[in-house]
Structures are given as structure tokens and as C-alpha cells.
Amino acid sequence: MFGFHFKRSVCTIAAAVFMAGSCLAAGPADMYKQAVETMIAQPTGDYTMHLDLGTPIGKMTGVTVTQLKAEPFQLKSVTTVSALNRQGQDVTVYAEQVGNQMVTYTSVQKDGKTQWRKDTQKLDSSEPVVRSMQKQHNLLAGVKSVENDGQDHYKVVFDSSRLYTDNDKKDWTKKGMTKDQVNTIANVLKALQQAGDVSMIVAVDPASQRITHVEGNLTKQMQSIVTAGVDQVDVTASTKAMVKTLANSSTLQMSIDCKALAADADLSVPKDVKDKAVENSKKSKDNK
């Protein structure tokens, strides 16, 4: 599997485009349709995701800035988390496709120093990974309804029932995922299904014909995932009850801003990062 933060960034961006793009099954706006098709065909860009978690004990914020080049595939992602007015250490991820492998480098803080972990994931082929992903998924399926929400804005309701089926486990296993990975993803998707449909507001720039902003309230989804997750952890009943109460008293807002990647953006992995990186031996062995 790819590095955790790399997957989170890419999956979140893909999900936003997926939910936005899916509305084309029923969406009447030709400009919006063209914008989604542009995003799918040309994913190169600069994406900033904000997650704002409001809890009874204070506010927590996560900001992930992801820069992506489709071909050759290169990615740089920096995540910053702040809680109760205190900022944590940035987590930086580089990723690049090398032939039929995806190689990621993730920063890890240890004893006040930055170390780098290298993960190598074998791909099905050396075909550019973005092209492969475009072929594997129908990005235009799964939307329940679409409404205009102001000039160049659309309210998209995503049908959560289509997030997961029992057959998905077999497909994930065939692709090399471990049993634990399969079960974890399945539990998350089931929890999202139980939370109900997701509503997103999507903004489109008619000049560039690209999606520029996506935002939505993910409170129900967060609460459902936390509830399902804590039930899988070996802790006392009182601890589980406390975590669930905290989640049910909290809110989660998400937004993603999308813009063109700067012409001079350098997303290549720095030489010193490659030199210092330590291979994740377990994942490397699993990928052979």
C-alpha cells in the first residue's frame, strides 16, 4: 500500500472529484459537465484541503497542501495539524512513479529530528498511474441529485449506498491488500453508508472549465466512523462511551480549494531525502 498520508491526500482529492463528477449522470449544466471532464482528464494541480473539527474541548484543524503532476506522476503533500491553539509537526510526503512501482517518502519525527520512511508499492504495469485509475473507475456514477446553488455553484448529493458492496472485499484481496487492510476499509465504508448521503457544494470556474472549490459538512460521517472504530478497539466500556459522547458533540467541516499548479513547481524528491530514507522492510517484502 502507498504511504498513509499520501493515500489520504490522493483519496480525499479523488473523492471530491468523484462526488463532484458523479453528478453528471443527472446534471443538466453543460459547463459543469465540461469542468468535471477537465478535472478527470487533467488532474495536474494544486489542492488545499481544510478539515475543521469542532469539539466541546476546543477546535482542531488539519490543512493538507497537495501538489500533483499527472505525467510523469509526481506528488508533494504537506499536512499541518493544530489543536487547542498548538501546532504539531508538519508531515511531508513525496511520491513518484518509477516504472511499475509507486515510491513514497514520508517524514517521521523522532527525538526532535526528521527522519524519512520509504515505501515501495508494485503496480499492475508501468502505464502512468493516473491513466490506469481513470480506466478502473466510473467517475460519473453514484449521484442521487444535483441542483443549482447560485452562479457557477452546484449542490451535489452523493448516494452513499454505492460506496461499498460485499464483492469489494474480493477485489481488494486480489489487488494484494492484507486481511486487516481489507477489513479496515470495509468497516470505514460501511460506517459511511450508515451515516447517509453526502451533500457537497461545488464551484466551477467557467473560464478554465475546472472545479475550483468543494465544501461540505461531514459531521454525520465523522460520528459514524468514530463510533464504528472505537467498537473495534480493546478498551473499557466506559472509555468507548466517553469517545462516542465526544464524537456526537462534535462537528466536522471539509473544504478543498483547487488551482493550477505553478509552472515552476518542482515536485521531484530531493536527493537528501532519498539518501536518508529507510526502506519499510515489511511492505517491501510484501510487494515482492
Foldseek 3Di string as FASTA:
>chain_A
DDDPVVCVVVVVVLVQLLLQQQQVVPDDDPLSNLQSVCCLVFVFFWKKKWKWKQFPVWIKIKIKIKGFHQVQTKIKIWIWIDTPNRTDDIKIKIWGQDWQKIKMWIWDADPNDTFIAIFIAGHPGRPRVSVVVSVPDDSRHFWDHWDDDDPQKIKTKGFLVPQDDPCVLVVVVVVQDDPVVSVLVVLLSVLQNVLGIWIKMWGADSVVSHIFKIKGWCLSSQLSNLLSVLVPDPDDPVVSVVSSVRSVRMTMMMMMGIDHDDPPDDRDDDPVSVVRYDYPVVNVVSND
